[in-house]
Amino acid sequence: PQGSQGQLLSRRALGPNPQVDENWLSEGSVLPPLQSG
C-alpha cells in the first residue's frame, strides 16, 4: 500500500503451470486483501 513501509519479493520455482513461488516479505509489511480463482 502507498505510504506503507515494507517490501515483497518473489521468484518462480516452478511455473507457470503448475505454479510454485518462493516469497520474501519484510518485517512490518502488510499486504492488501488478496483472492485467487
Full PDB file with SEQRES, HELIX, SHEET, SSBOND, CRYST1, ORIGX, SCALE, CONECT and MASTER records, all heavy atoms in Angstrom:
SEQRES   1 A   37  PRO GLN GLY SER GLN GLY GLN LEU LEU SER ARG ARG ALA          
SEQRES   2 A   37  LEU GLY PRO ASN PRO GLN VAL ASP GLU ASN TRP LEU SER          
SEQRES   3 A   37  GLU GLY SER VAL LEU PRO PRO LEU GLN SER GLY                  
SHEET    1 AA1 2 LEU A   8  LEU A  14  0                                        
SHEET    2 AA1 2 VAL A  20  LEU A  25 -1                                        
CRYST1    1.000    1.000    1.000  90.00  90.00  90.00 P 1           1          
ORIGX1      1.000000  0.000000  0.000000        0.00000                         
ORIGX2      0.000000  1.000000  0.000000        0.00000                         
ORIGX3      0.000000  0.000000  1.000000        0.00000                         
SCALE1      1.000000  0.000000  0.000000        0.00000                         
SCALE2      0.000000  1.000000  0.000000        0.00000                         
SCALE3      0.000000  0.000000  1.000000        0.00000                         
ATOM      1  N   PRO A   1       0.825  -1.217   0.000  1.00  0.00           N  
ATOM      2  CA  PRO A   1       0.000   0.000   0.000  1.00  0.00           C  
ATOM      3  C   PRO A   1       0.852   1.258   0.000  1.00  0.00           C  
ATOM      4  O   PRO A   1       1.887   1.324   0.665  1.00  0.00           O  
ATOM      5  CB  PRO A   1      -0.804  -0.131   1.303  1.00  0.00           C  
ATOM      6  CG  PRO A   1      -0.872  -1.608   1.560  1.00  0.00           C  
ATOM      7  CD  PRO A   1       0.445  -2.146   1.080  1.00  0.00           C  
ATOM      8  N   GLN A   2       0.419   2.269  -0.758  1.00  0.00           N  
ATOM      9  CA  GLN A   2       1.171   3.508  -0.884  1.00  0.00           C  
ATOM     10  C   GLN A   2       1.347   4.166   0.481  1.00  0.00           C  
ATOM     11  O   GLN A   2       0.408   4.264   1.270  1.00  0.00           O  
ATOM     12  CB  GLN A   2       0.445   4.464  -1.839  1.00  0.00           C  
ATOM     13  CG  GLN A   2       1.267   5.692  -2.208  1.00  0.00           C  
ATOM     14  CD  GLN A   2       0.582   6.509  -3.293  1.00  0.00           C  
ATOM     15  OE1 GLN A   2      -0.534   6.220  -3.680  1.00  0.00           O  
ATOM     16  NE2 GLN A   2       1.273   7.525  -3.789  1.00  0.00           N  
ATOM     17  N   GLY A   3       2.558   4.600   0.746  1.00  0.00           N  
ATOM     18  CA  GLY A   3       2.852   5.253   2.014  1.00  0.00           C  
ATOM     19  C   GLY A   3       3.224   4.288   3.117  1.00  0.00           C  
ATOM     20  O   GLY A   3       3.588   4.709   4.213  1.00  0.00           O  
ATOM     21  N   SER A   4       3.153   2.982   2.851  1.00  0.00           N  
ATOM     22  CA  SER A   4       3.480   1.986   3.869  1.00  0.00           C  
ATOM     23  C   SER A   4       4.927   1.562   3.755  1.00  0.00           C  
ATOM     24  O   SER A   4       5.526   1.593   2.687  1.00  0.00           O  
ATOM     25  CB  SER A   4       2.581   0.752   3.728  1.00  0.00           C  
ATOM     26  OG  SER A   4       1.224   1.102   3.853  1.00  0.00           O  
ATOM     27  N   GLN A   5       5.486   1.152   4.875  1.00  0.00           N  
ATOM     28  CA  GLN A   5       6.811   0.572   4.878  1.00  0.00           C  
ATOM     29  C   GLN A   5       6.694  -0.906   4.497  1.00  0.00           C  
ATOM     30  O   GLN A   5       5.684  -1.551   4.718  1.00  0.00           O  
ATOM     31  CB  GLN A   5       7.448   0.693   6.272  1.00  0.00           C  
ATOM     32  CG  GLN A   5       7.659   2.128   6.727  1.00  0.00           C  
ATOM     33  CD  GLN A   5       8.708   2.857   5.901  1.00  0.00           C  
ATOM     34  OE1 GLN A   5       9.710   2.254   5.502  1.00  0.00           O  
ATOM     35  NE2 GLN A   5       8.494   4.128   5.633  1.00  0.00           N  
ATOM     36  N   GLY A   6       7.749  -1.454   3.928  1.00  0.00           N  
ATOM     37  CA  GLY A   6       7.720  -2.881   3.653  1.00  0.00           C  
ATOM     38  C   GLY A   6       8.181  -3.200   2.253  1.00  0.00           C  
ATOM     39  O   GLY A   6       8.317  -2.327   1.379  1.00  0.00           O  
ATOM     40  N   GLN A   7       8.402  -4.483   2.039  1.00  0.00           N  
ATOM     41  CA  GLN A   7       8.897  -4.944   0.753  1.00  0.00           C  
ATOM     42  C   GLN A   7       8.451  -6.387   0.532  1.00  0.00           C  
ATOM     43  O   GLN A   7       8.481  -7.213   1.442  1.00  0.00           O  
ATOM     44  CB  GLN A   7      10.429  -4.861   0.727  1.00  0.00           C  
ATOM     45  CG  GLN A   7      11.062  -5.150  -0.629  1.00  0.00           C  
ATOM     46  CD  GLN A   7      12.568  -4.996  -0.605  1.00  0.00           C  
ATOM     47  OE1 GLN A   7      13.211  -5.247   0.414  1.00  0.00           O  
ATOM     48  NE2 GLN A   7      13.148  -4.573  -1.713  1.00  0.00           N  
ATOM     49  N   LEU A   8       8.011  -6.681  -0.694  1.00  0.00           N  
ATOM     50  CA  LEU A   8       7.645  -8.029  -1.083  1.00  0.00           C  
ATOM     51  C   LEU A   8       8.483  -8.432  -2.293  1.00  0.00           C  
ATOM     52  O   LEU A   8       8.483  -7.740  -3.319  1.00  0.00           O  
ATOM     53  CB  LEU A   8       6.161  -8.123  -1.436  1.00  0.00           C  
ATOM     54  CG  LEU A   8       5.692  -9.459  -2.043  1.00  0.00           C  
ATOM     55  CD1 LEU A   8       5.844 -10.584  -1.026  1.00  0.00           C  
ATOM     56  CD2 LEU A   8       4.260  -9.367  -2.547  1.00  0.00           C  
ATOM     57  N   LEU A   9       9.209  -9.543  -2.159  1.00  0.00           N  
ATOM     58  CA  LEU A   9       9.983 -10.095  -3.253  1.00  0.00           C  
ATOM     59  C   LEU A   9       9.487 -11.507  -3.534  1.00  0.00           C  
ATOM     60  O   LEU A   9       9.026 -12.211  -2.632  1.00  0.00           O  
ATOM     61  CB  LEU A   9      11.480 -10.157  -2.900  1.00  0.00           C  
ATOM     62  CG  LEU A   9      12.175  -8.855  -2.498  1.00  0.00           C  
ATOM     63  CD1 LEU A   9      13.619  -9.145  -2.095  1.00  0.00           C  
ATOM     64  CD2 LEU A   9      12.133  -7.852  -3.636  1.00  0.00           C  
ATOM     65  N   SER A  10       9.581 -11.933  -4.784  1.00  0.00           N  
ATOM     66  CA  SER A  10       9.208 -13.304  -5.121  1.00  0.00           C  
ATOM     67  C   SER A  10      10.079 -13.803  -6.267  1.00  0.00           C  
ATOM     68  O   SER A  10      10.643 -13.011  -7.028  1.00  0.00           O  
ATOM     69  CB  SER A  10       7.726 -13.405  -5.496  1.00  0.00           C  
ATOM     70  OG  SER A  10       7.490 -12.826  -6.762  1.00  0.00           O  
ATOM     71  N   ARG A  11      10.176 -15.127  -6.360  1.00  0.00           N  
ATOM     72  CA  ARG A  11      10.825 -15.745  -7.516  1.00  0.00           C  
ATOM     73  C   ARG A  11      10.109 -17.059  -7.807  1.00  0.00           C  
ATOM     74  O   ARG A  11       9.657 -17.760  -6.914  1.00  0.00           O  
ATOM     75  CB  ARG A  11      12.308 -15.959  -7.292  1.00  0.00           C  
ATOM     76  CG  ARG A  11      12.692 -16.839  -6.118  1.00  0.00           C  
ATOM     77  CD  ARG A  11      14.203 -16.876  -5.985  1.00  0.00           C  
ATOM     78  NE  ARG A  11      14.656 -17.620  -4.812  1.00  0.00           N  
ATOM     79  CZ  ARG A  11      15.909 -17.655  -4.392  1.00  0.00           C  
ATOM     80  NH1 ARG A  11      16.839 -16.951  -5.039  1.00  0.00           N  
ATOM     81  NH2 ARG A  11      16.258 -18.360  -3.332  1.00  0.00           N  
ATOM     82  N   ARG A  12       9.990 -17.349  -9.075  1.00  0.00           N  
ATOM     83  CA  ARG A  12       9.267 -18.520  -9.534  1.00  0.00           C  
ATOM     84  C   ARG A  12      10.137 -19.770  -9.361  1.00  0.00           C  
ATOM     85  O   ARG A  12      11.257 -19.825  -9.844  1.00  0.00           O  
ATOM     86  CB  ARG A  12       8.873 -18.325 -10.997  1.00  0.00           C  
ATOM     87  CG  ARG A  12       8.043 -19.423 -11.635  1.00  0.00           C  
ATOM     88  CD  ARG A  12       6.685 -19.603 -11.005  1.00  0.00           C  
ATOM     89  NE  ARG A  12       5.915 -18.402 -10.848  1.00  0.00           N  
ATOM     90  CZ  ARG A  12       5.116 -17.885 -11.801  1.00  0.00           C  
ATOM     91  NH1 ARG A  12       5.027 -18.480 -12.985  1.00  0.00           N  
ATOM     92  NH2 ARG A  12       4.408 -16.806 -11.555  1.00  0.00           N  
ATOM     93  N   ALA A  13       9.618 -20.769  -8.668  1.00  0.00           N  
ATOM     94  CA  ALA A  13      10.301 -22.048  -8.531  1.00  0.00           C  
ATOM     95  C   ALA A  13       9.867 -22.994  -9.641  1.00  0.00           C  
ATOM     96  O   ALA A  13      10.694 -23.654 -10.262  1.00  0.00           O  
ATOM     97  CB  ALA A  13      10.030 -22.658  -7.158  1.00  0.00           C  
ATOM     98  N   LEU A  14       8.570 -23.076  -9.880  1.00  0.00           N  
ATOM     99  CA  LEU A  14       8.003 -23.837 -10.993  1.00  0.00           C  
ATOM    100  C   LEU A  14       6.885 -23.006 -11.594  1.00  0.00           C  
ATOM    101  O   LEU A  14       6.178 -22.281 -10.891  1.00  0.00           O  
ATOM    102  CB  LEU A  14       7.425 -25.173 -10.517  1.00  0.00           C  
ATOM    103  CG  LEU A  14       8.377 -26.245  -9.985  1.00  0.00           C  
ATOM    104  CD1 LEU A  14       7.578 -27.432  -9.465  1.00  0.00           C  
ATOM    105  CD2 LEU A  14       9.376 -26.696 -11.041  1.00  0.00           C  
ATOM    106  N   GLY A  15       6.689 -23.136 -12.886  1.00  0.00           N  
ATOM    107  CA  GLY A  15       5.570 -22.419 -13.440  1.00  0.00           C  
ATOM    108  C   GLY A  15       5.803 -21.999 -14.882  1.00  0.00           C  
ATOM    109  O   GLY A  15       6.879 -22.200 -15.442  1.00  0.00           O  
ATOM    110  N   PRO A  16       4.733 -21.468 -15.462  1.00  0.00           N  
ATOM    111  CA  PRO A  16       3.502 -21.048 -14.780  1.00  0.00           C  
ATOM    112  C   PRO A  16       2.504 -22.162 -14.498  1.00  0.00           C  
ATOM    113  O   PRO A  16       1.474 -21.906 -13.884  1.00  0.00           O  
ATOM    114  CB  PRO A  16       2.900 -20.033 -15.772  1.00  0.00           C  
ATOM    115  CG  PRO A  16       3.352 -20.531 -17.108  1.00  0.00           C  
ATOM    116  CD  PRO A  16       4.732 -21.082 -16.886  1.00  0.00           C  
ATOM    117  N   ASN A  17       2.778 -23.379 -14.961  1.00  0.00           N  
ATOM    118  CA  ASN A  17       1.795 -24.442 -14.759  1.00  0.00           C  
ATOM    119  C   ASN A  17       2.523 -25.757 -14.543  1.00  0.00           C  
ATOM    120  O   ASN A  17       3.055 -26.319 -15.493  1.00  0.00           O  
ATOM    121  CB  ASN A  17       0.876 -24.524 -15.982  1.00  0.00           C  
ATOM    122  CG  ASN A  17      -0.205 -25.565 -15.834  1.00  0.00           C  
ATOM    123  OD1 ASN A  17      -0.518 -25.975 -14.731  1.00  0.00           O  
ATOM    124  ND2 ASN A  17      -0.741 -26.021 -16.950  1.00  0.00           N  
ATOM    125  N   PRO A  18       2.565 -26.290 -13.313  1.00  0.00           N  
ATOM    126  CA  PRO A  18       1.995 -25.732 -12.088  1.00  0.00           C  
ATOM    127  C   PRO A  18       2.808 -24.542 -11.586  1.00  0.00           C  
ATOM    128  O   PRO A  18       3.944 -24.340 -12.019  1.00  0.00           O  
ATOM    129  CB  PRO A  18       2.059 -26.895 -11.100  1.00  0.00           C  
ATOM    130  CG  PRO A  18       3.256 -27.664 -11.547  1.00  0.00           C  
ATOM    131  CD  PRO A  18       3.260 -27.573 -13.046  1.00  0.00           C  
ATOM    132  N   GLN A  19       2.222 -23.795 -10.674  1.00  0.00           N  
ATOM    133  CA  GLN A  19       2.847 -22.578 -10.190  1.00  0.00           C  
ATOM    134  C   GLN A  19       3.280 -22.745  -8.735  1.00  0.00           C  
ATOM    135  O   GLN A  19       2.470 -23.004  -7.865  1.00  0.00           O  
ATOM    136  CB  GLN A  19       1.890 -21.389 -10.306  1.00  0.00           C  
ATOM    137  CG  GLN A  19       2.523 -20.068  -9.889  1.00  0.00           C  
ATOM    138  CD  GLN A  19       1.599 -18.888 -10.132  1.00  0.00           C  
ATOM    139  OE1 GLN A  19       0.756 -18.935 -11.023  1.00  0.00           O  
ATOM    140  NE2 GLN A  19       1.741 -17.846  -9.341  1.00  0.00           N  
ATOM    141  N   VAL A  20       4.584 -22.580  -8.529  1.00  0.00           N  
ATOM    142  CA  VAL A  20       5.170 -22.608  -7.197  1.00  0.00           C  
ATOM    143  C   VAL A  20       6.092 -21.402  -7.075  1.00  0.00           C  
ATOM    144  O   VAL A  20       7.014 -21.238  -7.884  1.00  0.00           O  
ATOM    145  CB  VAL A  20       5.967 -23.904  -6.944  1.00  0.00           C  
ATOM    146  CG1 VAL A  20       6.567 -23.894  -5.543  1.00  0.00           C  
ATOM    147  CG2 VAL A  20       5.085 -25.133  -7.141  1.00  0.00           C  
ATOM    148  N   ASP A  21       5.841 -20.543  -6.101  1.00  0.00           N  
ATOM    149  CA  ASP A  21       6.629 -19.326  -5.915  1.00  0.00           C  
ATOM    150  C   ASP A  21       7.243 -19.312  -4.527  1.00  0.00           C  
ATOM    151  O   ASP A  21       6.618 -19.719  -3.542  1.00  0.00           O  
ATOM    152  CB  ASP A  21       5.749 -18.076  -6.052  1.00  0.00           C  
ATOM    153  CG  ASP A  21       5.127 -17.936  -7.429  1.00  0.00           C  
ATOM    154  OD1 ASP A  21       5.804 -18.259  -8.409  1.00  0.00           O  
ATOM    155  OD2 ASP A  21       3.958 -17.523  -7.508  1.00  0.00           O  
ATOM    156  N   GLU A  22       8.483 -18.814  -4.463  1.00  0.00           N  
ATOM    157  CA  GLU A  22       9.124 -18.524  -3.179  1.00  0.00           C  
ATOM    158  C   GLU A  22       9.003 -17.022  -2.944  1.00  0.00           C  
ATOM    159  O   GLU A  22       9.286 -16.221  -3.834  1.00  0.00           O  
ATOM    160  CB  GLU A  22      10.590 -18.949  -3.217  1.00  0.00           C  
ATOM    161  CG  GLU A  22      11.312 -18.792  -1.900  1.00  0.00           C  
ATOM    162  CD  GLU A  22      12.770 -19.219  -1.983  1.00  0.00           C  
ATOM    163  OE1 GLU A  22      13.201 -19.671  -3.073  1.00  0.00           O  
ATOM    164  OE2 GLU A  22      13.486 -19.081  -0.976  1.00  0.00           O  
ATOM    165  N   ASN A  23       8.571 -16.640  -1.751  1.00  0.00           N  
ATOM    166  CA  ASN A  23       8.308 -15.236  -1.461  1.00  0.00           C  
ATOM    167  C   ASN A  23       9.058 -14.791  -0.205  1.00  0.00           C  
ATOM    168  O   ASN A  23       9.301 -15.588   0.705  1.00  0.00           O  
ATOM    169  CB  ASN A  23       6.807 -15.007  -1.239  1.00  0.00           C  
ATOM    170  CG  ASN A  23       5.983 -15.386  -2.444  1.00  0.00           C  
ATOM    171  OD1 ASN A  23       5.743 -14.581  -3.331  1.00  0.00           O  
ATOM    172  ND2 ASN A  23       5.542 -16.646  -2.492  1.00  0.00           N  
ATOM    173  N   TRP A  24       9.379 -13.491  -0.173  1.00  0.00           N  
ATOM    174  CA  TRP A  24      10.020 -12.894   0.990  1.00  0.00           C  
ATOM    175  C   TRP A  24       9.296 -11.591   1.302  1.00  0.00           C  
ATOM    176  O   TRP A  24       9.211 -10.691   0.463  1.00  0.00           O  
ATOM    177  CB  TRP A  24      11.497 -12.636   0.716  1.00  0.00           C  
ATOM    178  CG  TRP A  24      12.234 -11.992   1.855  1.00  0.00           C  
ATOM    179  CD1 TRP A  24      12.733 -12.589   2.971  1.00  0.00           C  
ATOM    180  CD2 TRP A  24      12.533 -10.594   1.988  1.00  0.00           C  
ATOM    181  NE1 TRP A  24      13.330 -11.664   3.792  1.00  0.00           N  
ATOM    182  CE2 TRP A  24      13.222 -10.436   3.217  1.00  0.00           C  
ATOM    183  CE3 TRP A  24      12.278  -9.469   1.190  1.00  0.00           C  
ATOM    184  CZ2 TRP A  24      13.668  -9.195   3.660  1.00  0.00           C  
ATOM    185  CZ3 TRP A  24      12.717  -8.238   1.631  1.00  0.00           C  
ATOM    186  CH2 TRP A  24      13.412  -8.099   2.853  1.00  0.00           C  
ATOM    187  N   LEU A  25       8.756 -11.499   2.531  1.00  0.00           N  
ATOM    188  CA  LEU A  25       8.016 -10.318   2.980  1.00  0.00           C  
ATOM    189  C   LEU A  25       8.771  -9.720   4.161  1.00  0.00           C  
ATOM    190  O   LEU A  25       9.012 -10.402   5.165  1.00  0.00           O  
ATOM    191  CB  LEU A  25       6.597 -10.725   3.392  1.00  0.00           C  
ATOM    192  CG  LEU A  25       5.586  -9.617   3.686  1.00  0.00           C  
ATOM    193  CD1 LEU A  25       5.325  -8.761   2.447  1.00  0.00           C  
ATOM    194  CD2 LEU A  25       4.277 -10.223   4.193  1.00  0.00           C  
ATOM    195  N   SER A  26       9.164  -8.442   4.032  1.00  0.00           N  
ATOM    196  CA  SER A  26       9.977  -7.823   5.076  1.00  0.00           C  
ATOM    197  C   SER A  26       9.155  -7.544   6.322  1.00  0.00           C  
ATOM    198  O   SER A  26       7.929  -7.411   6.277  1.00  0.00           O  
ATOM    199  CB  SER A  26      10.606  -6.527   4.567  1.00  0.00           C  
ATOM    200  OG  SER A  26       9.600  -5.554   4.325  1.00  0.00           O  
ATOM    201  N   GLU A  27       9.835  -7.476   7.464  1.00  0.00           N  
ATOM    202  CA  GLU A  27       9.157  -7.276   8.750  1.00  0.00           C  
ATOM    203  C   GLU A  27       8.316  -6.000   8.736  1.00  0.00           C  
ATOM    204  O   GLU A  27       8.700  -4.977   8.178  1.00  0.00           O  
ATOM    205  CB  GLU A  27      10.176  -7.225   9.881  1.00  0.00           C  
ATOM    206  CG  GLU A  27      11.176  -6.085   9.795  1.00  0.00           C  
ATOM    207  CD  GLU A  27      12.160  -6.097  10.952  1.00  0.00           C  
ATOM    208  OE1 GLU A  27      12.970  -7.038  11.018  1.00  0.00           O  
ATOM    209  OE2 GLU A  27      12.091  -5.172  11.789  1.00  0.00           O  
ATOM    210  N   GLY A  28       7.132  -6.115   9.315  1.00  0.00           N  
ATOM    211  CA  GLY A  28       6.222  -4.974   9.381  1.00  0.00           C  
ATOM    212  C   GLY A  28       5.388  -4.757   8.136  1.00  0.00           C  
ATOM    213  O   GLY A  28       4.557  -3.849   8.098  1.00  0.00           O  
ATOM    214  N   SER A  29       5.585  -5.585   7.102  1.00  0.00           N  
ATOM    215  CA  SER A  29       4.833  -5.415   5.859  1.00  0.00           C  
ATOM    216  C   SER A  29       3.429  -6.016   5.992  1.00  0.00           C  
ATOM    217  O   SER A  29       3.255  -7.108   6.542  1.00  0.00           O  
ATOM    218  CB  SER A  29       5.555  -6.093   4.694  1.00  0.00           C  
ATOM    219  OG  SER A  29       6.821  -5.522   4.478  1.00  0.00           O  
ATOM    220  N   VAL A  30       2.452  -5.292   5.461  1.00  0.00           N  
ATOM    221  CA  VAL A  30       1.067  -5.776   5.433  1.00  0.00           C  
ATOM    222  C   VAL A  30       0.583  -5.696   3.991  1.00  0.00           C  
ATOM    223  O   VAL A  30       0.545  -4.615   3.391  1.00  0.00           O  
ATOM    224  CB  VAL A  30       0.148  -4.937   6.344  1.00  0.00           C  
ATOM    225  CG1 VAL A  30      -1.283  -5.487   6.290  1.00  0.00           C  
ATOM    226  CG2 VAL A  30       0.663  -4.930   7.776  1.00  0.00           C  
ATOM    227  N   LEU A  31       0.227  -6.844   3.411  1.00  0.00           N  
ATOM    228  CA  LEU A  31      -0.268  -6.851   2.043  1.00  0.00           C  
ATOM    229  C   LEU A  31      -1.752  -6.530   2.017  1.00  0.00           C  
ATOM    230  O   LEU A  31      -2.480  -6.806   2.989  1.00  0.00           O  
ATOM    231  CB  LEU A  31      -0.027  -8.218   1.394  1.00  0.00           C  
ATOM    232  CG  LEU A  31       1.423  -8.680   1.282  1.00  0.00           C  
ATOM    233  CD1 LEU A  31       1.500  -9.993   0.508  1.00  0.00           C  
ATOM    234  CD2 LEU A  31       2.286  -7.619   0.614  1.00  0.00           C  
ATOM    235  N   PRO A  32      -2.246  -5.950   0.941  1.00  0.00           N  
ATOM    236  CA  PRO A  32      -3.683  -5.695   0.828  1.00  0.00           C  
ATOM    237  C   PRO A  32      -4.439  -7.018   0.724  1.00  0.00           C  
ATOM    238  O   PRO A  32      -3.842  -8.069   0.479  1.00  0.00           O  
ATOM    239  CB  PRO A  32      -3.786  -4.886  -0.465  1.00  0.00           C  
ATOM    240  CG  PRO A  32      -2.594  -5.293  -1.259  1.00  0.00           C  
ATOM    241  CD  PRO A  32      -1.502  -5.526  -0.266  1.00  0.00           C  
ATOM    242  N   PRO A  33      -5.746  -7.022   0.930  1.00  0.00           N  
ATOM    243  CA  PRO A  33      -6.522  -8.263   0.793  1.00  0.00           C  
ATOM    244  C   PRO A  33      -6.304  -8.910  -0.572  1.00  0.00           C  
ATOM    245  O   PRO A  33      -6.282  -8.229  -1.603  1.00  0.00           O  
ATOM    246  CB  PRO A  33      -7.968  -7.791   0.971  1.00  0.00           C  
ATOM    247  CG  PRO A  33      -7.849  -6.556   1.812  1.00  0.00           C  
ATOM    248  CD  PRO A  33      -6.576  -5.892   1.365  1.00  0.00           C  
ATOM    249  N   LEU A  34      -6.112 -10.215  -0.565  1.00  0.00           N  
ATOM    250  CA  LEU A  34      -5.828 -10.983  -1.777  1.00  0.00           C  
ATOM    251  C   LEU A  34      -6.903 -12.040  -1.997  1.00  0.00           C  
ATOM    252  O   LEU A  34      -7.587 -12.455  -1.064  1.00  0.00           O  
ATOM    253  CB  LEU A  34      -4.454 -11.662  -1.659  1.00  0.00           C  
ATOM    254  CG  LEU A  34      -3.252 -10.761  -1.371  1.00  0.00           C  
ATOM    255  CD1 LEU A  34      -2.034 -11.596  -1.021  1.00  0.00           C  
ATOM    256  CD2 LEU A  34      -2.959  -9.863  -2.563  1.00  0.00           C  
ATOM    257  N   GLN A  35      -7.038 -12.471  -3.240  1.00  0.00           N  
ATOM    258  CA  GLN A  35      -8.004 -13.513  -3.579  1.00  0.00           C  
ATOM    259  C   GLN A  35      -7.549 -14.186  -4.868  1.00  0.00           C  
ATOM    260  O   GLN A  35      -6.973 -13.546  -5.749  1.00  0.00           O  
ATOM    261  CB  GLN A  35      -9.404 -12.931  -3.745  1.00  0.00           C  
ATOM    262  CG  GLN A  35     -10.496 -13.975  -3.894  1.00  0.00           C  
ATOM    263  CD  GLN A  35     -11.861 -13.340  -4.115  1.00  0.00           C  
ATOM    264  OE1 GLN A  35     -12.286 -13.155  -5.251  1.00  0.00           O  
ATOM    265  NE2 GLN A  35     -12.545 -12.982  -3.035  1.00  0.00           N  
ATOM    266  N   SER A  36      -7.796 -15.485  -4.980  1.00  0.00           N  
ATOM    267  CA  SER A  36      -7.399 -16.234  -6.168  1.00  0.00           C  
ATOM    268  C   SER A  36      -8.556 -17.104  -6.641  1.00  0.00           C  
ATOM    269  O   SER A  36      -9.390 -17.546  -5.840  1.00  0.00           O  
ATOM    270  CB  SER A  36      -6.177 -17.114  -5.866  1.00  0.00           C  
ATOM    271  OG  SER A  36      -5.878 -17.960  -6.959  1.00  0.00           O  
ATOM    272  N   GLY A  37      -8.570 -17.374  -7.942  1.00  0.00           N  
ATOM    273  CA  GLY A  37      -9.559 -18.280  -8.504  1.00  0.00           C  
ATOM    274  C   GLY A  37      -9.173 -19.740  -8.370  1.00  0.00           C  
ATOM    275  O   GLY A  37      -9.913 -20.621  -8.831  1.00  0.00           O  
TER     276      GLY A  37                                                      
MASTER        0    0    0    0    2    0    0    6  275    1    0    3          
END                                                                             
